[in-house]
Amino acid sequence: MIRRIMRLIRLDFTVFEEIESDPNATTQAVIIVAVTSFLSALGSALGSESAASSAVSTLINGFVGWIVWAVVTYFVGKSLFKAGGTLQEMLRLLGYASAPNILGIFTFIPCLGWLAGFAGWLISLIAGVLAIKEGLDVDLTVAILVVIVGAVAMGVLYTAVAISFEGILAIAAGLFRAVGGQ
């Protein structure tokens, strides 16, 4: 696992072929997402006035984001581009591609920390595109299109969930006031 991560850091993206065909890499991907999410959460907590909520939010977003990204890209690739691959391969590959997000630990550093977090996100995005290319057995242009369509779909989904959640909270608050709460 460490050897593969080091290859990613050296921008040796041929490692994705190896990861794609290794079923044991799924567990390793979970570990990578857990570690990068934890360290990003720690960096977020160190630089936040509401450390606990910031850390929990970052940790949850790391796992949920990984799973949602894998599922969305898999279904976009399959349904729109008739791509190959499996969902488990996408989970493995995108889990490894998230390794550069480990730079999120440095987000607590005033003025410059955000650059580390942004660099980790950007490298992870590039690695993700190449992972999608490998996992779906498509060319680079289609992989980029999958990411764009997937990002739009995730944005719409996120907005719908947020609006629904806010609506539920507003209804609950109204009911609470109606039954005598302040």
N, C-alpha and C. Protein backbone atom coordinates (compact mmCIF):
# COMPACT_ATOMS: atom_id res chain seq x y z
N MET A 1 0.83 -1.19 0.00
CA MET A 1 0.00 0.00 0.00
C MET A 1 0.88 1.26 0.00
N ILE A 2 1.86 1.32 0.88
CA ILE A 2 2.73 2.50 0.95
C ILE A 2 3.49 2.68 -0.36
N ARG A 3 3.96 1.58 -0.93
CA ARG A 3 4.68 1.65 -2.20
C ARG A 3 3.79 2.25 -3.30
N ARG A 4 2.53 1.85 -3.30
CA ARG A 4 1.60 2.39 -4.31
C ARG A 4 1.35 3.87 -4.08
N ILE A 5 1.20 4.26 -2.83
CA ILE A 5 0.99 5.68 -2.52
C ILE A 5 2.22 6.49 -2.94
N MET A 6 3.40 5.96 -2.71
CA MET A 6 4.63 6.65 -3.11
C MET A 6 4.69 6.80 -4.63
N ARG A 7 4.22 5.80 -5.36
CA ARG A 7 4.17 5.91 -6.82
C ARG A 7 3.21 7.01 -7.24
N LEU A 8 2.08 7.13 -6.54
CA LEU A 8 1.14 8.22 -6.83
C LEU A 8 1.78 9.57 -6.57
N ILE A 9 2.49 9.68 -5.45
CA ILE A 9 3.15 10.94 -5.10
C ILE A 9 4.17 11.32 -6.17
N ARG A 10 4.84 10.32 -6.73
CA ARG A 10 5.81 10.57 -7.81
C ARG A 10 5.11 10.75 -9.15
N LEU A 11 3.79 10.78 -9.13
CA LEU A 11 2.95 10.95 -10.32
C LEU A 11 3.12 9.80 -11.31
N ASP A 12 3.37 8.61 -10.79
CA ASP A 12 3.44 7.40 -11.60
C ASP A 12 2.03 6.79 -11.62
N PHE A 13 1.22 7.26 -12.53
CA PHE A 13 -0.17 6.85 -12.55
C PHE A 13 -0.38 5.48 -13.20
N THR A 14 0.70 4.81 -13.60
CA THR A 14 0.56 3.43 -14.07
C THR A 14 0.15 2.52 -12.91
N VAL A 15 0.29 3.01 -11.70
CA VAL A 15 -0.10 2.24 -10.51
C VAL A 15 -1.59 1.91 -10.54
N PHE A 16 -2.38 2.70 -11.25
CA PHE A 16 -3.83 2.45 -11.28
C PHE A 16 -4.17 1.12 -11.94
N GLU A 17 -3.37 0.69 -12.91
CA GLU A 17 -3.60 -0.63 -13.54
C GLU A 17 -3.49 -1.73 -12.51
N GLU A 18 -2.48 -1.61 -11.67
CA GLU A 18 -2.22 -2.58 -10.60
C GLU A 18 -3.37 -2.59 -9.58
N ILE A 19 -3.79 -1.40 -9.17
CA ILE A 19 -4.84 -1.27 -8.15
C ILE A 19 -6.16 -1.81 -8.69
N GLU A 20 -6.45 -1.52 -9.94
CA GLU A 20 -7.71 -1.95 -10.54
C GLU A 20 -7.88 -3.46 -10.47
N SER A 21 -6.82 -4.18 -10.69
CA SER A 21 -6.93 -5.64 -10.75
C SER A 21 -6.67 -6.34 -9.42
N ASP A 22 -6.46 -5.59 -8.35
CA ASP A 22 -6.18 -6.18 -7.04
C ASP A 22 -7.37 -6.02 -6.10
N PRO A 23 -8.16 -7.09 -5.92
CA PRO A 23 -9.33 -7.00 -5.04
C PRO A 23 -8.97 -6.64 -3.59
N ASN A 24 -7.76 -6.96 -3.16
CA ASN A 24 -7.33 -6.61 -1.80
C ASN A 24 -7.12 -5.10 -1.64
N ALA A 25 -7.02 -4.40 -2.74
CA ALA A 25 -6.80 -2.96 -2.68
C ALA A 25 -8.04 -2.20 -2.21
N THR A 26 -9.20 -2.86 -2.18
CA THR A 26 -10.40 -2.18 -1.68
C THR A 26 -10.24 -1.86 -0.20
N THR A 27 -9.76 -2.82 0.59
CA THR A 27 -9.53 -2.58 2.01
C THR A 27 -8.47 -1.50 2.19
N GLN A 28 -7.44 -1.54 1.36
CA GLN A 28 -6.40 -0.52 1.43
C GLN A 28 -6.97 0.86 1.10
N ALA A 29 -7.89 0.92 0.14
CA ALA A 29 -8.52 2.20 -0.22
C ALA A 29 -9.31 2.75 0.96
N VAL A 30 -10.01 1.89 1.68
CA VAL A 30 -10.76 2.32 2.87
C VAL A 30 -9.80 2.91 3.89
N ILE A 31 -8.66 2.25 4.09
CA ILE A 31 -7.66 2.74 5.04
C ILE A 31 -7.12 4.10 4.59
N ILE A 32 -6.84 4.24 3.32
CA ILE A 32 -6.34 5.52 2.79
C ILE A 32 -7.35 6.63 3.01
N VAL A 33 -8.61 6.37 2.70
CA VAL A 33 -9.65 7.38 2.90
C VAL A 33 -9.78 7.71 4.39
N ALA A 34 -9.70 6.69 5.25
CA ALA A 34 -9.81 6.93 6.70
C ALA A 34 -8.66 7.80 7.19
N VAL A 35 -7.44 7.48 6.78
CA VAL A 35 -6.27 8.23 7.24
C VAL A 35 -6.29 9.66 6.70
N THR A 36 -6.55 9.81 5.39
CA THR A 36 -6.55 11.17 4.83
C THR A 36 -7.69 12.00 5.41
N SER A 37 -8.85 11.37 5.63
CA SER A 37 -9.98 12.10 6.22
C SER A 37 -9.67 12.50 7.65
N PHE A 38 -9.06 11.57 8.41
CA PHE A 38 -8.71 11.87 9.79
C PHE A 38 -7.70 13.01 9.86
N LEU A 39 -6.65 12.94 9.06
CA LEU A 39 -5.62 13.98 9.10
C LEU A 39 -6.16 15.32 8.60
N SER A 40 -7.01 15.29 7.59
CA SER A 40 -7.65 16.53 7.14
C SER A 40 -8.56 17.09 8.23
N ALA A 41 -9.28 16.19 8.91
CA ALA A 41 -10.14 16.62 10.02
C ALA A 41 -9.32 17.24 11.13
N LEU A 42 -8.16 16.65 11.41
CA LEU A 42 -7.27 17.20 12.43
C LEU A 42 -6.79 18.59 12.04
N GLY A 43 -6.36 18.75 10.80
CA GLY A 43 -5.92 20.05 10.31
C GLY A 43 -7.03 21.08 10.36
N SER A 44 -8.24 20.64 10.00
CA SER A 44 -9.40 21.52 10.04
C SER A 44 -9.73 21.93 11.48
N ALA A 45 -9.65 20.98 12.39
CA ALA A 45 -9.97 21.25 13.80
C ALA A 45 -8.95 22.20 14.42
N LEU A 46 -7.68 22.02 14.08
CA LEU A 46 -6.64 22.87 14.64
C LEU A 46 -6.80 24.33 14.22
N GLY A 47 -7.40 24.56 13.08
CA GLY A 47 -7.55 25.92 12.58
C GLY A 47 -8.94 26.49 12.74
N SER A 48 -9.78 25.83 13.52
CA SER A 48 -11.17 26.25 13.63
C SER A 48 -11.53 26.58 15.07
N GLU A 49 -12.43 27.54 15.22
CA GLU A 49 -12.89 27.87 16.56
C GLU A 49 -13.88 26.83 17.07
N SER A 50 -14.58 26.16 16.17
CA SER A 50 -15.47 25.07 16.55
C SER A 50 -14.83 23.75 16.12
N ALA A 51 -13.75 23.40 16.83
CA ALA A 51 -12.88 22.30 16.43
C ALA A 51 -13.62 20.97 16.29
N ALA A 52 -14.44 20.63 17.26
CA ALA A 52 -15.09 19.31 17.24
C ALA A 52 -16.03 19.18 16.04
N SER A 53 -16.90 20.16 15.82
CA SER A 53 -17.84 20.05 14.71
C SER A 53 -17.12 20.10 13.37
N SER A 54 -16.05 20.90 13.29
CA SER A 54 -15.28 20.98 12.06
C SER A 54 -14.60 19.64 11.76
N ALA A 55 -14.04 19.00 12.77
CA ALA A 55 -13.36 17.72 12.60
C ALA A 55 -14.35 16.64 12.19
N VAL A 56 -15.49 16.58 12.87
CA VAL A 56 -16.50 15.55 12.56
C VAL A 56 -17.02 15.75 11.14
N SER A 57 -17.30 16.98 10.78
CA SER A 57 -17.80 17.29 9.44
C SER A 57 -16.79 16.88 8.37
N THR A 58 -15.52 17.21 8.57
CA THR A 58 -14.48 16.86 7.61
C THR A 58 -14.32 15.35 7.49
N LEU A 59 -14.37 14.65 8.61
CA LEU A 59 -14.23 13.20 8.62
C LEU A 59 -15.39 12.53 7.86
N ILE A 60 -16.61 12.95 8.15
CA ILE A 60 -17.78 12.38 7.48
C ILE A 60 -17.75 12.71 5.99
N ASN A 61 -17.43 13.96 5.66
CA ASN A 61 -17.38 14.36 4.25
C ASN A 61 -16.34 13.56 3.48
N GLY A 62 -15.24 13.18 4.12
CA GLY A 62 -14.23 12.38 3.44
C GLY A 62 -14.77 11.04 2.99
N PHE A 63 -15.45 10.34 3.89
CA PHE A 63 -16.00 9.03 3.54
C PHE A 63 -17.19 9.14 2.60
N VAL A 64 -18.12 10.01 2.91
CA VAL A 64 -19.31 10.15 2.08
C VAL A 64 -18.92 10.64 0.68
N GLY A 65 -18.01 11.60 0.62
CA GLY A 65 -17.56 12.12 -0.67
C GLY A 65 -16.92 11.04 -1.53
N TRP A 66 -16.11 10.19 -0.91
CA TRP A 66 -15.45 9.10 -1.64
C TRP A 66 -16.49 8.13 -2.22
N ILE A 67 -17.41 7.71 -1.38
CA ILE A 67 -18.43 6.74 -1.83
C ILE A 67 -19.33 7.34 -2.90
N VAL A 68 -19.80 8.55 -2.66
CA VAL A 68 -20.69 9.20 -3.62
C VAL A 68 -19.97 9.44 -4.95
N TRP A 69 -18.72 9.90 -4.88
CA TRP A 69 -17.97 10.13 -6.11
C TRP A 69 -17.80 8.84 -6.90
N ALA A 70 -17.49 7.75 -6.21
CA ALA A 70 -17.32 6.46 -6.89
C ALA A 70 -18.63 6.00 -7.53
N VAL A 71 -19.73 6.10 -6.78
CA VAL A 71 -21.02 5.64 -7.30
C VAL A 71 -21.47 6.51 -8.48
N VAL A 72 -21.37 7.82 -8.32
CA VAL A 72 -21.82 8.72 -9.39
C VAL A 72 -20.98 8.53 -10.66
N THR A 73 -19.66 8.49 -10.52
CA THR A 73 -18.83 8.34 -11.71
C THR A 73 -19.06 6.98 -12.37
N TYR A 74 -19.25 5.96 -11.56
CA TYR A 74 -19.52 4.63 -12.10
C TYR A 74 -20.80 4.65 -12.93
N PHE A 75 -21.89 5.20 -12.35
CA PHE A 75 -23.17 5.21 -13.07
C PHE A 75 -23.17 6.16 -14.25
N VAL A 76 -22.51 7.29 -14.14
CA VAL A 76 -22.41 8.20 -15.29
C VAL A 76 -21.64 7.52 -16.42
N GLY A 77 -20.52 6.90 -16.07
CA GLY A 77 -19.71 6.21 -17.08
C GLY A 77 -20.48 5.08 -17.75
N LYS A 78 -21.18 4.29 -16.95
CA LYS A 78 -21.94 3.15 -17.48
C LYS A 78 -23.13 3.61 -18.33
N SER A 79 -23.91 4.55 -17.78
CA SER A 79 -25.16 4.91 -18.46
C SER A 79 -24.96 5.84 -19.65
N LEU A 80 -24.07 6.81 -19.55
CA LEU A 80 -23.91 7.77 -20.64
C LEU A 80 -22.84 7.37 -21.65
N PHE A 81 -21.82 6.65 -21.18
CA PHE A 81 -20.68 6.38 -22.07
C PHE A 81 -20.46 4.89 -22.32
N LYS A 82 -21.37 4.07 -21.81
CA LYS A 82 -21.28 2.61 -22.00
C LYS A 82 -19.88 2.09 -21.64
N ALA A 83 -19.33 2.60 -20.53
CA ALA A 83 -17.99 2.25 -20.10
C ALA A 83 -17.95 0.88 -19.44
N GLY A 84 -16.75 0.36 -19.26
CA GLY A 84 -16.56 -0.91 -18.59
C GLY A 84 -16.30 -0.70 -17.11
N GLY A 85 -15.74 -1.70 -16.45
CA GLY A 85 -15.37 -1.58 -15.05
C GLY A 85 -16.49 -1.93 -14.10
N THR A 86 -16.13 -1.99 -12.82
CA THR A 86 -17.10 -2.31 -11.77
C THR A 86 -17.08 -1.21 -10.71
N LEU A 87 -18.12 -1.20 -9.90
CA LEU A 87 -18.19 -0.22 -8.82
C LEU A 87 -17.06 -0.45 -7.82
N GLN A 88 -16.74 -1.71 -7.55
CA GLN A 88 -15.67 -1.98 -6.60
C GLN A 88 -14.32 -1.47 -7.13
N GLU A 89 -14.09 -1.59 -8.42
CA GLU A 89 -12.87 -1.03 -9.00
C GLU A 89 -12.83 0.48 -8.83
N MET A 90 -13.98 1.13 -9.03
CA MET A 90 -14.02 2.58 -8.87
C MET A 90 -13.74 2.97 -7.42
N LEU A 91 -14.28 2.22 -6.47
CA LEU A 91 -14.02 2.50 -5.06
C LEU A 91 -12.52 2.37 -4.76
N ARG A 92 -11.91 1.30 -5.25
CA ARG A 92 -10.47 1.09 -5.03
C ARG A 92 -9.66 2.23 -5.61
N LEU A 93 -9.91 2.51 -6.88
CA LEU A 93 -9.11 3.50 -7.59
C LEU A 93 -9.28 4.91 -7.02
N LEU A 94 -10.52 5.29 -6.75
CA LEU A 94 -10.75 6.64 -6.22
C LEU A 94 -10.31 6.77 -4.77
N GLY A 95 -10.32 5.66 -4.04
CA GLY A 95 -9.77 5.68 -2.68
C GLY A 95 -8.29 6.00 -2.71
N TYR A 96 -7.57 5.32 -3.59
CA TYR A 96 -6.14 5.61 -3.74
C TYR A 96 -5.92 7.03 -4.28
N ALA A 97 -6.76 7.44 -5.21
CA ALA A 97 -6.61 8.78 -5.79
C ALA A 97 -6.80 9.87 -4.74
N SER A 98 -7.47 9.56 -3.64
CA SER A 98 -7.70 10.56 -2.60
C SER A 98 -6.47 10.75 -1.70
N ALA A 99 -5.43 9.94 -1.86
CA ALA A 99 -4.25 10.02 -1.00
C ALA A 99 -3.64 11.44 -0.92
N PRO A 100 -3.56 12.21 -2.00
CA PRO A 100 -2.98 13.55 -1.88
C PRO A 100 -3.75 14.48 -0.94
N ASN A 101 -4.99 14.13 -0.62
CA ASN A 101 -5.76 14.95 0.33
C ASN A 101 -5.15 14.95 1.72
N ILE A 102 -4.12 14.14 1.92
CA ILE A 102 -3.42 14.12 3.20
C ILE A 102 -2.83 15.51 3.50
N LEU A 103 -2.63 16.31 2.45
CA LEU A 103 -2.12 17.67 2.64
C LEU A 103 -3.09 18.54 3.43
N GLY A 104 -4.33 18.06 3.58
CA GLY A 104 -5.31 18.79 4.38
C GLY A 104 -4.91 18.97 5.83
N ILE A 105 -3.96 18.19 6.31
CA ILE A 105 -3.48 18.34 7.69
C ILE A 105 -2.88 19.72 7.91
N PHE A 106 -2.41 20.35 6.83
CA PHE A 106 -1.74 21.65 6.96
C PHE A 106 -2.69 22.84 6.86
N THR A 107 -3.99 22.60 6.76
CA THR A 107 -4.92 23.71 6.57
C THR A 107 -5.00 24.64 7.78
N PHE A 108 -4.50 24.22 8.92
CA PHE A 108 -4.55 25.07 10.11
C PHE A 108 -3.51 26.19 10.06
N ILE A 109 -2.53 26.11 9.18
CA ILE A 109 -1.47 27.11 9.11
C ILE A 109 -2.04 28.41 8.55
N PRO A 110 -1.93 29.49 9.32
CA PRO A 110 -2.49 30.77 8.87
C PRO A 110 -1.90 31.21 7.52
N CYS A 111 -2.74 31.76 6.70
CA CYS A 111 -2.41 32.35 5.40
C CYS A 111 -2.00 31.35 4.32
N LEU A 112 -1.30 30.29 4.66
CA LEU A 112 -0.80 29.37 3.66
C LEU A 112 -1.45 27.99 3.70
N GLY A 113 -2.09 27.66 4.81
CA GLY A 113 -2.67 26.33 4.97
C GLY A 113 -3.67 25.98 3.89
N TRP A 114 -4.45 26.94 3.49
CA TRP A 114 -5.46 26.66 2.46
C TRP A 114 -4.80 26.23 1.16
N LEU A 115 -3.58 26.73 0.89
CA LEU A 115 -2.87 26.32 -0.32
C LEU A 115 -2.53 24.83 -0.30
N ALA A 116 -2.14 24.33 0.86
CA ALA A 116 -1.83 22.90 0.99
C ALA A 116 -3.10 22.08 0.74
N GLY A 117 -4.20 22.50 1.37
CA GLY A 117 -5.47 21.81 1.16
C GLY A 117 -5.90 21.84 -0.29
N PHE A 118 -5.76 23.00 -0.92
CA PHE A 118 -6.13 23.14 -2.33
C PHE A 118 -5.22 22.28 -3.22
N ALA A 119 -3.92 22.27 -2.93
CA ALA A 119 -2.98 21.47 -3.72
C ALA A 119 -3.34 19.98 -3.60
N GLY A 120 -3.65 19.54 -2.39
CA GLY A 120 -4.06 18.14 -2.19
C GLY A 120 -5.31 17.82 -2.98
N TRP A 121 -6.29 18.73 -2.94
CA TRP A 121 -7.53 18.52 -3.68
C TRP A 121 -7.27 18.46 -5.18
N LEU A 122 -6.45 19.38 -5.68
CA LEU A 122 -6.18 19.44 -7.12
C LEU A 122 -5.43 18.19 -7.61
N ILE A 123 -4.41 17.78 -6.87
CA ILE A 123 -3.67 16.57 -7.25
C ILE A 123 -4.60 15.36 -7.18
N SER A 124 -5.45 15.34 -6.17
CA SER A 124 -6.40 14.24 -6.02
C SER A 124 -7.41 14.23 -7.17
N LEU A 125 -7.82 15.40 -7.61
CA LEU A 125 -8.73 15.49 -8.76
C LEU A 125 -8.07 14.94 -10.03
N ILE A 126 -6.82 15.34 -10.26
CA ILE A 126 -6.09 14.85 -11.43
C ILE A 126 -5.93 13.33 -11.34
N ALA A 127 -5.53 12.86 -10.17
CA ALA A 127 -5.39 11.41 -9.97
C ALA A 127 -6.74 10.73 -10.16
N GLY A 128 -7.81 11.38 -9.70
CA GLY A 128 -9.15 10.82 -9.86
C GLY A 128 -9.56 10.67 -11.30
N VAL A 129 -9.25 11.67 -12.11
CA VAL A 129 -9.57 11.59 -13.54
C VAL A 129 -8.83 10.41 -14.17
N LEU A 130 -7.56 10.27 -13.83
CA LEU A 130 -6.78 9.16 -14.38
C LEU A 130 -7.25 7.81 -13.84
N ALA A 131 -7.70 7.80 -12.58
CA ALA A 131 -8.26 6.57 -12.00
C ALA A 131 -9.55 6.19 -12.72
N ILE A 132 -10.38 7.18 -13.01
CA ILE A 132 -11.64 6.93 -13.73
C ILE A 132 -11.34 6.43 -15.13
N LYS A 133 -10.35 7.01 -15.77
CA LYS A 133 -9.93 6.56 -17.11
C LYS A 133 -9.58 5.07 -17.06
N GLU A 134 -8.82 4.68 -16.06
CA GLU A 134 -8.41 3.29 -15.94
C GLU A 134 -9.57 2.39 -15.52
N GLY A 135 -10.33 2.82 -14.54
CA GLY A 135 -11.39 1.99 -13.99
C GLY A 135 -12.56 1.76 -14.93
N LEU A 136 -12.87 2.76 -15.74
CA LEU A 136 -13.99 2.63 -16.68
C LEU A 136 -13.53 2.20 -18.07
N ASP A 137 -12.22 2.07 -18.24
CA ASP A 137 -11.65 1.67 -19.54
C ASP A 137 -12.09 2.62 -20.65
N VAL A 138 -11.87 3.92 -20.41
CA VAL A 138 -12.23 4.95 -21.38
C VAL A 138 -11.00 5.81 -21.68
N ASP A 139 -11.11 6.66 -22.69
CA ASP A 139 -10.00 7.56 -22.97
C ASP A 139 -10.08 8.78 -22.04
N LEU A 140 -9.05 9.60 -22.09
CA LEU A 140 -8.95 10.75 -21.18
C LEU A 140 -10.10 11.74 -21.36
N THR A 141 -10.51 11.99 -22.59
CA THR A 141 -11.62 12.93 -22.85
C THR A 141 -12.90 12.45 -22.19
N VAL A 142 -13.21 11.17 -22.33
CA VAL A 142 -14.42 10.62 -21.71
C VAL A 142 -14.29 10.66 -20.19
N ALA A 143 -13.11 10.38 -19.65
CA ALA A 143 -12.92 10.44 -18.19
C ALA A 143 -13.19 11.86 -17.68
N ILE A 144 -12.72 12.86 -18.41
CA ILE A 144 -12.97 14.26 -18.02
C ILE A 144 -14.46 14.57 -18.10
N LEU A 145 -15.11 14.10 -19.16
CA LEU A 145 -16.56 14.31 -19.29
C LEU A 145 -17.33 13.62 -18.17
N VAL A 146 -16.90 12.43 -17.78
CA VAL A 146 -17.54 11.73 -16.66
C VAL A 146 -17.43 12.57 -15.39
N VAL A 147 -16.26 13.14 -15.16
CA VAL A 147 -16.06 13.97 -13.97
C VAL A 147 -16.95 15.21 -14.03
N ILE A 148 -17.03 15.86 -15.18
CA ILE A 148 -17.85 17.07 -15.31
C ILE A 148 -19.33 16.74 -15.11
N VAL A 149 -19.83 15.74 -15.81
CA VAL A 149 -21.24 15.35 -15.68
C VAL A 149 -21.52 14.90 -14.25
N GLY A 150 -20.58 14.13 -13.69
CA GLY A 150 -20.74 13.67 -12.31
C GLY A 150 -20.77 14.82 -11.32
N ALA A 151 -19.92 15.83 -11.54
CA ALA A 151 -19.89 16.99 -10.64
C ALA A 151 -21.21 17.76 -10.72
N VAL A 152 -21.74 17.91 -11.91
CA VAL A 152 -23.03 18.60 -12.07
C VAL A 152 -24.14 17.79 -11.36
N ALA A 153 -24.13 16.48 -11.58
CA ALA A 153 -25.14 15.62 -10.95
C ALA A 153 -25.02 15.68 -9.42
N MET A 154 -23.81 15.65 -8.91
CA MET A 154 -23.61 15.72 -7.46
C MET A 154 -24.04 17.09 -6.92
N GLY A 155 -23.78 18.14 -7.68
CA GLY A 155 -24.20 19.48 -7.26
C GLY A 155 -25.71 19.59 -7.19
N VAL A 156 -26.40 19.04 -8.18
CA VAL A 156 -27.87 19.05 -8.18
C VAL A 156 -28.39 18.22 -7.01
N LEU A 157 -27.80 17.05 -6.81
CA LEU A 157 -28.22 16.17 -5.71
C LEU A 157 -27.99 16.84 -4.36
N TYR A 158 -26.81 17.44 -4.19
CA TYR A 158 -26.49 18.12 -2.94
C TYR A 158 -27.46 19.27 -2.68
N THR A 159 -27.76 20.05 -3.70
CA THR A 159 -28.69 21.17 -3.56
C THR A 159 -30.08 20.67 -3.19
N ALA A 160 -30.54 19.62 -3.84
CA ALA A 160 -31.87 19.06 -3.54
C ALA A 160 -31.94 18.56 -2.10
N VAL A 161 -30.89 17.88 -1.65
CA VAL A 161 -30.86 17.38 -0.27
C VAL A 161 -30.83 18.55 0.71
N ALA A 162 -30.00 19.56 0.42
CA ALA A 162 -29.90 20.72 1.31
C ALA A 162 -31.23 21.46 1.41
N ILE A 163 -31.88 21.66 0.27
CA ILE A 163 -33.17 22.35 0.26
C ILE A 163 -34.21 21.52 1.03
N SER A 164 -34.22 20.22 0.79
CA SER A 164 -35.16 19.34 1.50
C SER A 164 -34.91 19.38 3.00
N PHE A 165 -33.64 19.30 3.39
CA PHE A 165 -33.30 19.31 4.80
C PHE A 165 -33.71 20.63 5.44
N GLU A 166 -33.44 21.74 4.76
CA GLU A 166 -33.83 23.05 5.28
C GLU A 166 -35.35 23.15 5.39
N GLY A 167 -36.05 22.58 4.41
CA GLY A 167 -37.51 22.58 4.46
C GLY A 167 -38.04 21.78 5.64
N ILE A 168 -37.45 20.63 5.87
CA ILE A 168 -37.85 19.80 7.01
C ILE A 168 -37.59 20.54 8.32
N LEU A 169 -36.44 21.20 8.42
CA LEU A 169 -36.14 21.97 9.63
C LEU A 169 -37.13 23.11 9.83
N ALA A 170 -37.51 23.79 8.74
CA ALA A 170 -38.47 24.89 8.83
C ALA A 170 -39.84 24.38 9.28
N ILE A 171 -40.26 23.25 8.73
CA ILE A 171 -41.55 22.65 9.12
C ILE A 171 -41.50 22.25 10.58
N ALA A 172 -40.41 21.62 11.00
CA ALA A 172 -40.27 21.19 12.40
C ALA A 172 -40.30 22.40 13.34
N ALA A 173 -39.62 23.47 12.96
CA ALA A 173 -39.61 24.68 13.79
C ALA A 173 -41.01 25.28 13.87
N GLY A 174 -41.72 25.29 12.75
CA GLY A 174 -43.10 25.79 12.75
C GLY A 174 -44.01 24.95 13.62
N LEU A 175 -43.87 23.65 13.54
CA LEU A 175 -44.68 22.75 14.38
C LEU A 175 -44.35 22.96 15.85
N PHE A 176 -43.08 23.13 16.15
CA PHE A 176 -42.66 23.34 17.53
C PHE A 176 -43.28 24.62 18.09
N ARG A 177 -43.28 25.68 17.28
CA ARG A 177 -43.90 26.95 17.72
C ARG A 177 -45.41 26.81 17.84
N ALA A 178 -45.99 26.03 16.95
CA ALA A 178 -47.45 25.86 16.95
C ALA A 178 -47.93 25.11 18.18
N VAL A 179 -47.15 24.21 18.71
CA VAL A 179 -47.59 23.44 19.87
C VAL A 179 -47.15 24.08 21.18
N GLY A 180 -46.68 25.29 21.12
CA GLY A 180 -46.41 26.02 22.34
C GLY A 180 -44.97 26.26 22.65
N GLY A 181 -44.05 25.83 21.85
CA GLY A 181 -42.63 26.11 22.09
C GLY A 181 -42.31 27.54 21.70
N GLN A 182 -41.26 28.03 22.16
CA GLN A 182 -40.83 29.39 21.84
C GLN A 182 -39.85 29.31 20.75
